[in-house]
N, C-alpha and C. Protein backbone atom coordinates (compact mmCIF):
# COMPACT_ATOMS: atom_id res chain seq x y z
N MET A 1 -20.84 -8.04 3.56
CA MET A 1 -19.63 -7.47 2.36
C MET A 1 -19.73 -6.08 2.15
N ALA A 2 -21.37 -5.60 1.94
CA ALA A 2 -21.63 -4.23 1.91
C ALA A 2 -21.44 -3.31 3.00
N LYS A 3 -21.03 -3.96 4.22
CA LYS A 3 -20.66 -3.21 4.82
C LYS A 3 -19.27 -2.81 5.18
N GLU A 4 -18.32 -3.40 4.47
CA GLU A 4 -17.21 -3.39 4.32
C GLU A 4 -16.39 -2.07 3.43
N LYS A 5 -17.51 -2.03 2.59
CA LYS A 5 -16.79 -1.03 1.45
C LYS A 5 -17.04 0.58 1.97
N PRO A 6 -18.11 0.67 2.57
CA PRO A 6 -17.93 2.61 3.74
C PRO A 6 -16.49 2.15 4.09
N ASP A 7 -16.14 1.04 5.19
CA ASP A 7 -14.66 1.21 5.58
C ASP A 7 -13.42 1.78 4.50
N LEU A 8 -13.28 0.97 3.43
CA LEU A 8 -12.23 1.05 2.53
C LEU A 8 -12.42 2.54 1.96
N VAL A 9 -13.71 3.33 1.74
CA VAL A 9 -13.58 4.31 1.19
C VAL A 9 -12.88 5.53 2.31
N TYR A 10 -13.44 5.21 3.57
CA TYR A 10 -12.92 6.17 4.43
C TYR A 10 -11.58 6.18 4.98
N GLY A 11 -10.92 4.60 4.69
CA GLY A 11 -9.67 4.52 5.13
C GLY A 11 -8.91 5.10 3.88
N THR A 12 -9.21 5.32 2.55
CA THR A 12 -8.46 5.51 1.53
C THR A 12 -8.41 7.20 1.91
N LEU A 13 -9.75 7.39 1.96
CA LEU A 13 -9.93 9.21 2.19
C LEU A 13 -8.42 9.51 3.33
N ASP A 14 -8.62 8.60 4.60
CA ASP A 14 -7.89 8.88 5.53
C ASP A 14 -6.23 9.16 4.90
N MET A 15 -5.71 8.04 4.50
CA MET A 15 -4.61 7.91 3.81
C MET A 15 -4.19 9.14 2.74
N LEU A 16 -4.97 9.43 1.70
CA LEU A 16 -4.83 10.58 0.81
C LEU A 16 -4.60 12.06 1.93
N ILE A 17 -5.35 12.14 2.68
CA ILE A 17 -5.40 13.32 3.67
C ILE A 17 -3.84 13.09 4.18
N LEU A 18 -3.66 11.92 4.92
CA LEU A 18 -2.30 11.77 5.69
C LEU A 18 -1.17 11.73 4.68
N LYS A 19 -1.30 11.36 3.34
CA LYS A 19 -0.07 11.33 2.52
C LYS A 19 0.22 13.03 2.15
N ALA A 20 -1.11 13.82 1.93
CA ALA A 20 -1.02 15.19 1.61
C ALA A 20 -0.06 15.87 2.72
N LEU A 21 -0.70 15.58 4.14
CA LEU A 21 -0.04 16.23 4.91
C LEU A 21 1.48 15.79 5.35
N GLN A 22 1.66 14.66 5.10
CA GLN A 22 3.36 14.10 5.32
C GLN A 22 4.43 14.82 4.51
N HIS A 23 3.79 15.29 2.98
CA HIS A 23 4.36 15.88 2.32
C HIS A 23 4.60 17.33 2.00
N ASP A 24 3.51 17.84 2.61
CA ASP A 24 3.63 19.40 3.17
C ASP A 24 2.80 20.06 3.92
N PRO A 25 3.11 19.84 5.07
CA PRO A 25 2.09 20.06 6.20
C PRO A 25 1.86 21.69 5.99
N ARG A 26 0.39 21.80 6.27
CA ARG A 26 0.03 23.35 5.82
C ARG A 26 -1.35 23.51 6.35
N HIS A 27 -1.98 24.66 6.67
CA HIS A 27 -3.03 24.90 7.06
C HIS A 27 -4.12 24.44 6.54
N GLY A 28 -5.40 23.86 6.87
CA GLY A 28 -6.22 23.21 6.21
C GLY A 28 -7.08 24.02 5.28
N LEU A 29 -7.22 25.38 5.20
CA LEU A 29 -7.51 26.06 4.21
C LEU A 29 -6.72 26.08 3.00
N GLU A 30 -5.08 25.83 3.07
CA GLU A 30 -4.37 25.87 2.10
C GLU A 30 -4.45 24.52 1.32
N ILE A 31 -5.08 23.36 2.16
CA ILE A 31 -4.63 22.25 1.75
C ILE A 31 -6.43 22.20 0.81
N ALA A 32 -6.99 22.81 1.13
CA ALA A 32 -8.22 22.68 0.49
C ALA A 32 -8.15 23.58 -0.90
N ASP A 33 -7.53 24.38 -1.06
CA ASP A 33 -7.00 25.13 -1.89
C ASP A 33 -6.47 24.88 -3.19
N ARG A 34 -5.70 23.54 -2.88
CA ARG A 34 -4.90 22.79 -3.73
C ARG A 34 -5.72 22.26 -4.63
């Protein structure tokens, strides 16, 4: 079970990044400045 938590964290991070790109596609530096 301890092995599943990092996968959940990385999956959540991926989803946040994809959501940010879905609504307002920008250059990576502009996303970082947000």
